[in-house]
């Protein structure tokens, strides 16, 4: 299976995910629980791996994170868009 990467990264939302999660005072396990309620197979370790850029994020997981964190896709992709425009 080919490795999915962009500029050496497995995802482009890890840092923003951590920032937005902490802004809501959520622990990784609490965010994982919110994702599970939304129907996603996700645990604390998955959140940790995403935030540390060790796990790919699917498009439907991105949408789920937006719902769980009450933010927009643009909020999570902010750093990526900034880098594209530099």
PDB file of N, CA and C in Angstrom:
ATOM      1  N   UNK A   1       0.847  -1.175   0.000  1.00  0.00           N
ATOM      2  CA  UNK A   1       0.000   0.000   0.000  1.00  0.00           C
ATOM      3  C   UNK A   1       0.897   1.245   0.000  1.00  0.00           C
ATOM      4  N   UNK A   2       0.549   2.200  -0.825  1.00  0.00           N
ATOM      5  CA  UNK A   2       1.310   3.440  -0.910  1.00  0.00           C
ATOM      6  C   UNK A   2       1.083   4.292   0.333  1.00  0.00           C
ATOM      7  N   UNK A   3       2.129   4.986   0.720  1.00  0.00           N
ATOM      8  CA  UNK A   3       2.040   5.881   1.871  1.00  0.00           C
ATOM      9  C   UNK A   3       1.432   7.206   1.418  1.00  0.00           C
ATOM     10  N   UNK A   4       0.408   7.656   2.125  1.00  0.00           N
ATOM     11  CA  UNK A   4      -0.249   8.912   1.792  1.00  0.00           C
ATOM     12  C   UNK A   4       0.397  10.019   2.611  1.00  0.00           C
ATOM     13  N   UNK A   5       0.995  10.973   1.923  1.00  0.00           N
ATOM     14  CA  UNK A   5       1.666  12.070   2.607  1.00  0.00           C
ATOM     15  C   UNK A   5       1.552  13.350   1.781  1.00  0.00           C
ATOM     16  N   UNK A   6       1.617  14.467   2.474  1.00  0.00           N
ATOM     17  CA  UNK A   6       1.704  15.770   1.832  1.00  0.00           C
ATOM     18  C   UNK A   6       2.837  16.513   2.514  1.00  0.00           C
ATOM     19  N   UNK A   7       3.835  16.872   1.747  1.00  0.00           N
ATOM     20  CA  UNK A   7       4.986  17.598   2.288  1.00  0.00           C
ATOM     21  C   UNK A   7       5.577  16.859   3.494  1.00  0.00           C
ATOM     22  N   UNK A   8       5.574  15.533   3.422  1.00  0.00           N
ATOM     23  CA  UNK A   8       6.135  14.712   4.487  1.00  0.00           C
ATOM     24  C   UNK A   8       5.203  14.441   5.650  1.00  0.00           C
ATOM     25  N   UNK A   9       3.985  14.966   5.596  1.00  0.00           N
ATOM     26  CA  UNK A   9       3.024  14.831   6.695  1.00  0.00           C
ATOM     27  C   UNK A   9       1.945  13.815   6.367  1.00  0.00           C
ATOM     28  N   UNK A  10       1.465  13.116   7.386  1.00  0.00           N
ATOM     29  CA  UNK A  10       0.361  12.180   7.212  1.00  0.00           C
ATOM     30  C   UNK A  10      -0.985  12.876   7.263  1.00  0.00           C
ATOM     31  N   UNK A  11      -1.036  14.066   7.859  1.00  0.00           N
ATOM     32  CA  UNK A  11      -2.265  14.870   7.844  1.00  0.00           C
ATOM     33  C   UNK A  11      -1.874  16.336   7.968  1.00  0.00           C
ATOM     34  N   UNK A  12      -2.819  17.214   7.732  1.00  0.00           N
ATOM     35  CA  UNK A  12      -2.527  18.650   7.800  1.00  0.00           C
ATOM     36  C   UNK A  12      -3.337  19.354   8.890  1.00  0.00           C
ATOM     37  N   UNK A  13      -4.039  18.575   9.735  1.00  0.00           N
ATOM     38  CA  UNK A  13      -4.886  19.198  10.754  1.00  0.00           C
ATOM     39  C   UNK A  13      -4.422  18.951  12.183  1.00  0.00           C
ATOM     40  N   UNK A  14      -3.395  18.153  12.381  1.00  0.00           N
ATOM     41  CA  UNK A  14      -3.001  17.743  13.729  1.00  0.00           C
ATOM     42  C   UNK A  14      -2.789  18.877  14.708  1.00  0.00           C
ATOM     43  N   UNK A  15      -2.040  19.877  14.302  1.00  0.00           N
ATOM     44  CA  UNK A  15      -1.759  20.999  15.197  1.00  0.00           C
ATOM     45  C   UNK A  15      -3.024  21.777  15.521  1.00  0.00           C
ATOM     46  N   UNK A  16      -3.817  22.087  14.503  1.00  0.00           N
ATOM     47  CA  UNK A  16      -5.059  22.834  14.721  1.00  0.00           C
ATOM     48  C   UNK A  16      -6.058  22.018  15.536  1.00  0.00           C
ATOM     49  N   UNK A  17      -6.078  20.702  15.327  1.00  0.00           N
ATOM     50  CA  UNK A  17      -6.962  19.838  16.108  1.00  0.00           C
ATOM     51  C   UNK A  17      -6.628  19.963  17.593  1.00  0.00           C
ATOM     52  N   UNK A  18      -5.336  19.911  17.925  1.00  0.00           N
ATOM     53  CA  UNK A  18      -4.901  20.042  19.315  1.00  0.00           C
ATOM     54  C   UNK A  18      -5.293  21.407  19.877  1.00  0.00           C
ATOM     55  N   UNK A  19      -5.056  22.456  19.113  1.00  0.00           N
ATOM     56  CA  UNK A  19      -5.381  23.816  19.567  1.00  0.00           C
ATOM     57  C   UNK A  19      -6.878  23.961  19.843  1.00  0.00           C
ATOM     58  N   UNK A  20      -7.706  23.522  18.897  1.00  0.00           N
ATOM     59  CA  UNK A  20      -9.154  23.661  19.056  1.00  0.00           C
ATOM     60  C   UNK A  20      -9.683  22.768  20.172  1.00  0.00           C
ATOM     61  N   UNK A  21      -9.113  21.566  20.321  1.00  0.00           N
ATOM     62  CA  UNK A  21      -9.519  20.665  21.404  1.00  0.00           C
ATOM     63  C   UNK A  21      -9.226  21.296  22.759  1.00  0.00           C
ATOM     64  N   UNK A  22      -8.017  21.836  22.898  1.00  0.00           N
ATOM     65  CA  UNK A  22      -7.624  22.450  24.166  1.00  0.00           C
ATOM     66  C   UNK A  22      -8.431  23.714  24.448  1.00  0.00           C
ATOM     67  N   UNK A  23      -8.789  24.441  23.410  1.00  0.00           N
ATOM     68  CA  UNK A  23      -9.612  25.643  23.569  1.00  0.00           C
ATOM     69  C   UNK A  23     -10.953  25.307  24.223  1.00  0.00           C
ATOM     70  N   UNK A  24     -11.460  24.099  23.928  1.00  0.00           N
ATOM     71  CA  UNK A  24     -12.710  23.633  24.525  1.00  0.00           C
ATOM     72  C   UNK A  24     -12.480  22.856  25.827  1.00  0.00           C
ATOM     73  N   UNK A  25     -11.232  22.834  26.296  1.00  0.00           N
ATOM     74  CA  UNK A  25     -10.865  22.107  27.523  1.00  0.00           C
ATOM     75  C   UNK A  25     -11.233  20.630  27.454  1.00  0.00           C
ATOM     76  N   UNK A  26     -11.023  20.028  26.291  1.00  0.00           N
ATOM     77  CA  UNK A  26     -11.294  18.605  26.118  1.00  0.00           C
ATOM     78  C   UNK A  26      -9.987  17.819  26.172  1.00  0.00           C
ATOM     79  N   UNK A  27     -10.018  16.698  26.848  1.00  0.00           N
ATOM     80  CA  UNK A  27      -8.900  15.767  26.807  1.00  0.00           C
ATOM     81  C   UNK A  27      -9.046  14.938  25.537  1.00  0.00           C
ATOM     82  N   UNK A  28      -7.964  14.301  25.121  1.00  0.00           N
ATOM     83  CA  UNK A  28      -8.008  13.479  23.919  1.00  0.00           C
ATOM     84  C   UNK A  28      -9.083  12.400  24.026  1.00  0.00           C
ATOM     85  N   UNK A  29      -9.188  11.766  25.171  1.00  0.00           N
ATOM     86  CA  UNK A  29     -10.192  10.723  25.378  1.00  0.00           C
ATOM     87  C   UNK A  29     -11.603  11.259  25.286  1.00  0.00           C
ATOM     88  N   UNK A  30     -11.798  12.484  25.735  1.00  0.00           N
ATOM     89  CA  UNK A  30     -13.124  13.103  25.656  1.00  0.00           C
ATOM     90  C   UNK A  30     -13.503  13.413  24.208  1.00  0.00           C
ATOM     91  N   UNK A  31     -12.527  13.873  23.413  1.00  0.00           N
ATOM     92  CA  UNK A  31     -12.802  14.098  21.994  1.00  0.00           C
ATOM     93  C   UNK A  31     -13.081  12.770  21.301  1.00  0.00           C
ATOM     94  N   UNK A  32     -12.333  11.747  21.647  1.00  0.00           N
ATOM     95  CA  UNK A  32     -12.564  10.422  21.068  1.00  0.00           C
ATOM     96  C   UNK A  32     -13.979   9.938  21.406  1.00  0.00           C
ATOM     97  N   UNK A  33     -14.427  10.178  22.624  1.00  0.00           N
ATOM     98  CA  UNK A  33     -15.780   9.780  23.031  1.00  0.00           C
ATOM     99  C   UNK A  33     -16.828  10.527  22.217  1.00  0.00           C
ATOM    100  N   UNK A  34     -16.606  11.824  21.966  1.00  0.00           N
ATOM    101  CA  UNK A  34     -17.534  12.599  21.146  1.00  0.00           C
ATOM    102  C   UNK A  34     -17.595  12.014  19.731  1.00  0.00           C
ATOM    103  N   UNK A  35     -16.439  11.635  19.210  1.00  0.00           N
ATOM    104  CA  UNK A  35     -16.393  11.042  17.867  1.00  0.00           C
ATOM    105  C   UNK A  35     -17.127   9.702  17.847  1.00  0.00           C
ATOM    106  N   UNK A  36     -16.977   8.915  18.905  1.00  0.00           N
ATOM    107  CA  UNK A  36     -17.666   7.626  18.984  1.00  0.00           C
ATOM    108  C   UNK A  36     -19.173   7.816  18.990  1.00  0.00           C
ATOM    109  N   UNK A  37     -19.660   8.821  19.717  1.00  0.00           N
ATOM    110  CA  UNK A  37     -21.099   9.115  19.748  1.00  0.00           C
ATOM    111  C   UNK A  37     -21.594   9.461  18.346  1.00  0.00           C
ATOM    112  N   UNK A  38     -20.726  10.087  17.541  1.00  0.00           N
ATOM    113  CA  UNK A  38     -21.089  10.437  16.169  1.00  0.00           C
ATOM    114  C   UNK A  38     -20.968   9.252  15.216  1.00  0.00           C
ATOM    115  N   UNK A  39     -20.487   8.105  15.719  1.00  0.00           N
ATOM    116  CA  UNK A  39     -20.413   6.899  14.910  1.00  0.00           C
ATOM    117  C   UNK A  39     -19.041   6.551  14.365  1.00  0.00           C
ATOM    118  N   UNK A  40     -18.011   7.253  14.814  1.00  0.00           N
ATOM    119  CA  UNK A  40     -16.656   6.996  14.338  1.00  0.00           C
ATOM    120  C   UNK A  40     -15.942   6.027  15.270  1.00  0.00           C
ATOM    121  N   UNK A  41     -15.145   5.137  14.705  1.00  0.00           N
ATOM    122  CA  UNK A  41     -14.308   4.241  15.486  1.00  0.00           C
ATOM    123  C   UNK A  41     -13.042   5.014  15.817  1.00  0.00           C
ATOM    124  N   UNK A  42     -12.960   5.517  17.033  1.00  0.00           N
ATOM    125  CA  UNK A  42     -11.882   6.411  17.411  1.00  0.00           C
ATOM    126  C   UNK A  42     -11.616   6.246  18.901  1.00  0.00           C
ATOM    127  N   UNK A  43     -10.347   6.197  19.278  1.00  0.00           N
ATOM    128  CA  UNK A  43      -9.991   6.149  20.694  1.00  0.00           C
ATOM    129  C   UNK A  43      -8.951   7.233  20.986  1.00  0.00           C
ATOM    130  N   UNK A  44      -8.547   7.342  22.231  1.00  0.00           N
ATOM    131  CA  UNK A  44      -7.595   8.374  22.639  1.00  0.00           C
ATOM    132  C   UNK A  44      -6.297   8.258  21.862  1.00  0.00           C
ATOM    133  N   UNK A  45      -5.850   7.027  21.632  1.00  0.00           N
ATOM    134  CA  UNK A  45      -4.589   6.814  20.914  1.00  0.00           C
ATOM    135  C   UNK A  45      -4.676   7.331  19.485  1.00  0.00           C
ATOM    136  N   UNK A  46      -5.828   7.176  18.846  1.00  0.00           N
ATOM    137  CA  UNK A  46      -6.010   7.689  17.482  1.00  0.00           C
ATOM    138  C   UNK A  46      -5.899   9.212  17.470  1.00  0.00           C
ATOM    139  N   UNK A  47      -6.522   9.870  18.454  1.00  0.00           N
ATOM    140  CA  UNK A  47      -6.435  11.330  18.546  1.00  0.00           C
ATOM    141  C   UNK A  47      -4.979  11.746  18.748  1.00  0.00           C
ATOM    142  N   UNK A  48      -4.279  11.062  19.634  1.00  0.00           N
ATOM    143  CA  UNK A  48      -2.866  11.353  19.878  1.00  0.00           C
ATOM    144  C   UNK A  48      -2.053  11.208  18.600  1.00  0.00           C
ATOM    145  N   UNK A  49      -2.275  10.132  17.872  1.00  0.00           N
ATOM    146  CA  UNK A  49      -1.526   9.898  16.629  1.00  0.00           C
ATOM    147  C   UNK A  49      -1.839  10.952  15.570  1.00  0.00           C
ATOM    148  N   UNK A  50      -3.069  11.409  15.511  1.00  0.00           N
ATOM    149  CA  UNK A  50      -3.425  12.465  14.561  1.00  0.00           C
ATOM    150  C   UNK A  50      -2.717  13.762  14.952  1.00  0.00           C
ATOM    151  N   UNK A  51      -2.795  14.111  16.225  1.00  0.00           N
ATOM    152  CA  UNK A  51      -2.170  15.347  16.683  1.00  0.00           C
ATOM    153  C   UNK A  51      -0.652  15.324  16.521  1.00  0.00           C
ATOM    154  N   UNK A  52      -0.051  14.148  16.601  1.00  0.00           N
ATOM    155  CA  UNK A  52       1.406  14.028  16.431  1.00  0.00           C
ATOM    156  C   UNK A  52       1.787  13.702  14.992  1.00  0.00           C
ATOM    157  N   UNK A  53       0.805  13.781  14.084  1.00  0.00           N
ATOM    158  CA  UNK A  53       1.039  13.587  12.657  1.00  0.00           C
ATOM    159  C   UNK A  53       1.522  12.180  12.324  1.00  0.00           C
ATOM    160  N   UNK A  54       1.012  11.206  13.046  1.00  0.00           N
ATOM    161  CA  UNK A  54       1.371   9.809  12.801  1.00  0.00           C
ATOM    162  C   UNK A  54       0.223   9.012  12.212  1.00  0.00           C
ATOM    163  N   UNK A  55      -0.895   9.683  11.903  1.00  0.00           N
ATOM    164  CA  UNK A  55      -2.071   8.995  11.372  1.00  0.00           C
ATOM    165  C   UNK A  55      -2.763   9.873  10.341  1.00  0.00           C
ATOM    166  N   UNK A  56      -3.185   9.231   9.267  1.00  0.00           N
ATOM    167  CA  UNK A  56      -3.944   9.899   8.218  1.00  0.00           C
ATOM    168  C   UNK A  56      -5.352  10.196   8.730  1.00  0.00           C
ATOM    169  N   UNK A  57      -5.928  11.302   8.264  1.00  0.00           N
ATOM    170  CA  UNK A  57      -7.306  11.667   8.601  1.00  0.00           C
ATOM    171  C   UNK A  57      -8.136  11.590   7.330  1.00  0.00           C
ATOM    172  N   UNK A  58      -9.244  10.865   7.385  1.00  0.00           N
ATOM    173  CA  UNK A  58     -10.116  10.754   6.218  1.00  0.00           C
ATOM    174  C   UNK A  58     -11.018  11.980   6.111  1.00  0.00           C
ATOM    175  N   UNK A  59     -11.631  12.140   4.955  1.00  0.00           N
ATOM    176  CA  UNK A  59     -12.529  13.272   4.757  1.00  0.00           C
ATOM    177  C   UNK A  59     -13.722  13.203   5.701  1.00  0.00           C
ATOM    178  N   UNK A  60     -14.265  12.018   5.932  1.00  0.00           N
ATOM    179  CA  UNK A  60     -15.416  11.918   6.833  1.00  0.00           C
ATOM    180  C   UNK A  60     -15.012  12.132   8.288  1.00  0.00           C
ATOM    181  N   UNK A  61     -13.771  11.780   8.658  1.00  0.00           N
ATOM    182  CA  UNK A  61     -13.290  12.084  10.007  1.00  0.00           C
ATOM    183  C   UNK A  61     -13.122  13.595  10.180  1.00  0.00           C
ATOM    184  N   UNK A  62     -12.642  14.271   9.143  1.00  0.00           N
ATOM    185  CA  UNK A  62     -12.525  15.725   9.191  1.00  0.00           C
ATOM    186  C   UNK A  62     -13.883  16.356   9.479  1.00  0.00           C
ATOM    187  N   UNK A  63     -14.914  15.894   8.763  1.00  0.00           N
ATOM    188  CA  UNK A  63     -16.268  16.410   8.992  1.00  0.00           C
ATOM    189  C   UNK A  63     -16.727  16.102  10.416  1.00  0.00           C
ATOM    190  N   UNK A  64     -16.407  14.926  10.919  1.00  0.00           N
ATOM    191  CA  UNK A  64     -16.775  14.549  12.285  1.00  0.00           C
ATOM    192  C   UNK A  64     -16.084  15.411  13.320  1.00  0.00           C
ATOM    193  N   UNK A  65     -14.797  15.685  13.114  1.00  0.00           N
ATOM    194  CA  UNK A  65     -14.082  16.562  14.040  1.00  0.00           C
ATOM    195  C   UNK A  65     -14.713  17.954  14.064  1.00  0.00           C
ATOM    196  N   UNK A  66     -15.124  18.437  12.901  1.00  0.00           N
ATOM    197  CA  UNK A  66     -15.759  19.757  12.842  1.00  0.00           C
ATOM    198  C   UNK A  66     -17.037  19.771  13.673  1.00  0.00           C
ATOM    199  N   UNK A  67     -17.824  18.724  13.563  1.00  0.00           N
ATOM    200  CA  UNK A  67     -19.060  18.655  14.340  1.00  0.00           C
ATOM    201  C   UNK A  67     -18.752  18.537  15.833  1.00  0.00           C
ATOM    202  N   UNK A  68     -17.811  17.671  16.186  1.00  0.00           N
ATOM    203  CA  UNK A  68     -17.467  17.446  17.591  1.00  0.00           C
ATOM    204  C   UNK A  68     -16.872  18.695  18.242  1.00  0.00           C
ATOM    205  N   UNK A  69     -16.106  19.465  17.472  1.00  0.00           N
ATOM    206  CA  UNK A  69     -15.438  20.647  18.006  1.00  0.00           C
ATOM    207  C   UNK A  69     -16.212  21.941  17.725  1.00  0.00           C
ATOM    208  N   UNK A  70     -17.344  21.804  17.038  1.00  0.00           N
ATOM    209  CA  UNK A  70     -18.173  22.966  16.691  1.00  0.00           C
ATOM    210  C   UNK A  70     -17.350  24.027  15.951  1.00  0.00           C
ATOM    211  N   UNK A  71     -16.676  23.570  14.897  1.00  0.00           N
ATOM    212  CA  UNK A  71     -15.861  24.474  14.091  1.00  0.00           C
ATOM    213  C   UNK A  71     -16.103  24.155  12.616  1.00  0.00           C
ATOM    214  N   UNK A  72     -15.502  24.936  11.756  1.00  0.00           N
ATOM    215  CA  UNK A  72     -15.630  24.697  10.317  1.00  0.00           C
ATOM    216  C   UNK A  72     -14.399  23.953   9.802  1.00  0.00           C
ATOM    217  N   UNK A  73     -14.525  23.431   8.604  1.00  0.00           N
ATOM    218  CA  UNK A  73     -13.386  22.778   7.968  1.00  0.00           C
ATOM    219  C   UNK A  73     -12.243  23.777   7.807  1.00  0.00           C
ATOM    220  N   UNK A  74     -12.591  25.022   7.494  1.00  0.00           N
ATOM    221  CA  UNK A  74     -11.577  26.058   7.336  1.00  0.00           C
ATOM    222  C   UNK A  74     -10.797  26.263   8.630  1.00  0.00           C
ATOM    223  N   UNK A  75     -11.475  26.161   9.769  1.00  0.00           N
ATOM    224  CA  UNK A  75     -10.777  26.291  11.053  1.00  0.00           C
ATOM    225  C   UNK A  75      -9.699  25.220  11.204  1.00  0.00           C
ATOM    226  N   UNK A  76     -10.036  23.989  10.853  1.00  0.00           N
ATOM    227  CA  UNK A  76      -9.067  22.897  10.991  1.00  0.00           C
ATOM    228  C   UNK A  76      -7.993  22.937   9.907  1.00  0.00           C
ATOM    229  N   UNK A  77      -8.319  23.472   8.746  1.00  0.00           N
ATOM    230  CA  UNK A  77      -7.371  23.513   7.633  1.00  0.00           C
ATOM    231  C   UNK A  77      -6.629  24.847   7.526  1.00  0.00           C
ATOM    232  N   UNK A  78      -6.798  25.710   8.493  1.00  0.00           N
ATOM    233  CA  UNK A  78      -6.227  27.056   8.471  1.00  0.00           C
ATOM    234  C   UNK A  78      -4.732  27.070   8.170  1.00  0.00           C
ATOM    235  N   UNK A  79      -3.954  26.263   8.859  1.00  0.00           N
ATOM    236  CA  UNK A  79      -2.501  26.241   8.650  1.00  0.00           C
ATOM    237  C   UNK A  79      -2.150  25.748   7.251  1.00  0.00           C
ATOM    238  N   UNK A  80      -2.892  24.770   6.760  1.00  0.00           N
ATOM    239  CA  UNK A  80      -2.667  24.232   5.417  1.00  0.00           C
ATOM    240  C   UNK A  80      -2.923  25.302   4.366  1.00  0.00           C
ATOM    241  N   UNK A  81      -4.041  26.004   4.484  1.00  0.00           N
ATOM    242  CA  UNK A  81      -4.363  27.057   3.520  1.00  0.00           C
ATOM    243  C   UNK A  81      -3.323  28.176   3.569  1.00  0.00           C
ATOM    244  N   UNK A  82      -2.882  28.522   4.744  1.00  0.00           N
ATOM    245  CA  UNK A  82      -1.864  29.571   4.877  1.00  0.00           C
ATOM    246  C   UNK A  82      -0.589  29.158   4.164  1.00  0.00           C
ATOM    247  N   UNK A  83      -0.183  27.911   4.347  1.00  0.00           N
ATOM    248  CA  UNK A  83       1.042  27.416   3.716  1.00  0.00           C
ATOM    249  C   UNK A  83       0.899  27.417   2.197  1.00  0.00           C
ATOM    250  N   UNK A  84      -0.285  27.062   1.688  1.00  0.00           N
ATOM    251  CA  UNK A  84      -0.508  27.059   0.247  1.00  0.00           C
ATOM    252  C   UNK A  84      -0.389  28.462  -0.343  1.00  0.00           C
ATOM    253  N   UNK A  85      -0.791  29.456   0.426  1.00  0.00           N
ATOM    254  CA  UNK A  85      -0.793  30.832  -0.070  1.00  0.00           C
ATOM    255  C   UNK A  85       0.534  31.560   0.132  1.00  0.00           C
ATOM    256  N   UNK A  86       1.455  30.947   0.867  1.00  0.00           N
ATOM    257  CA  UNK A  86       2.772  31.589   1.088  1.00  0.00           C
ATOM    258  C   UNK A  86       3.653  31.484  -0.133  1.00  0.00           C
TER     259      UNK A  86
END
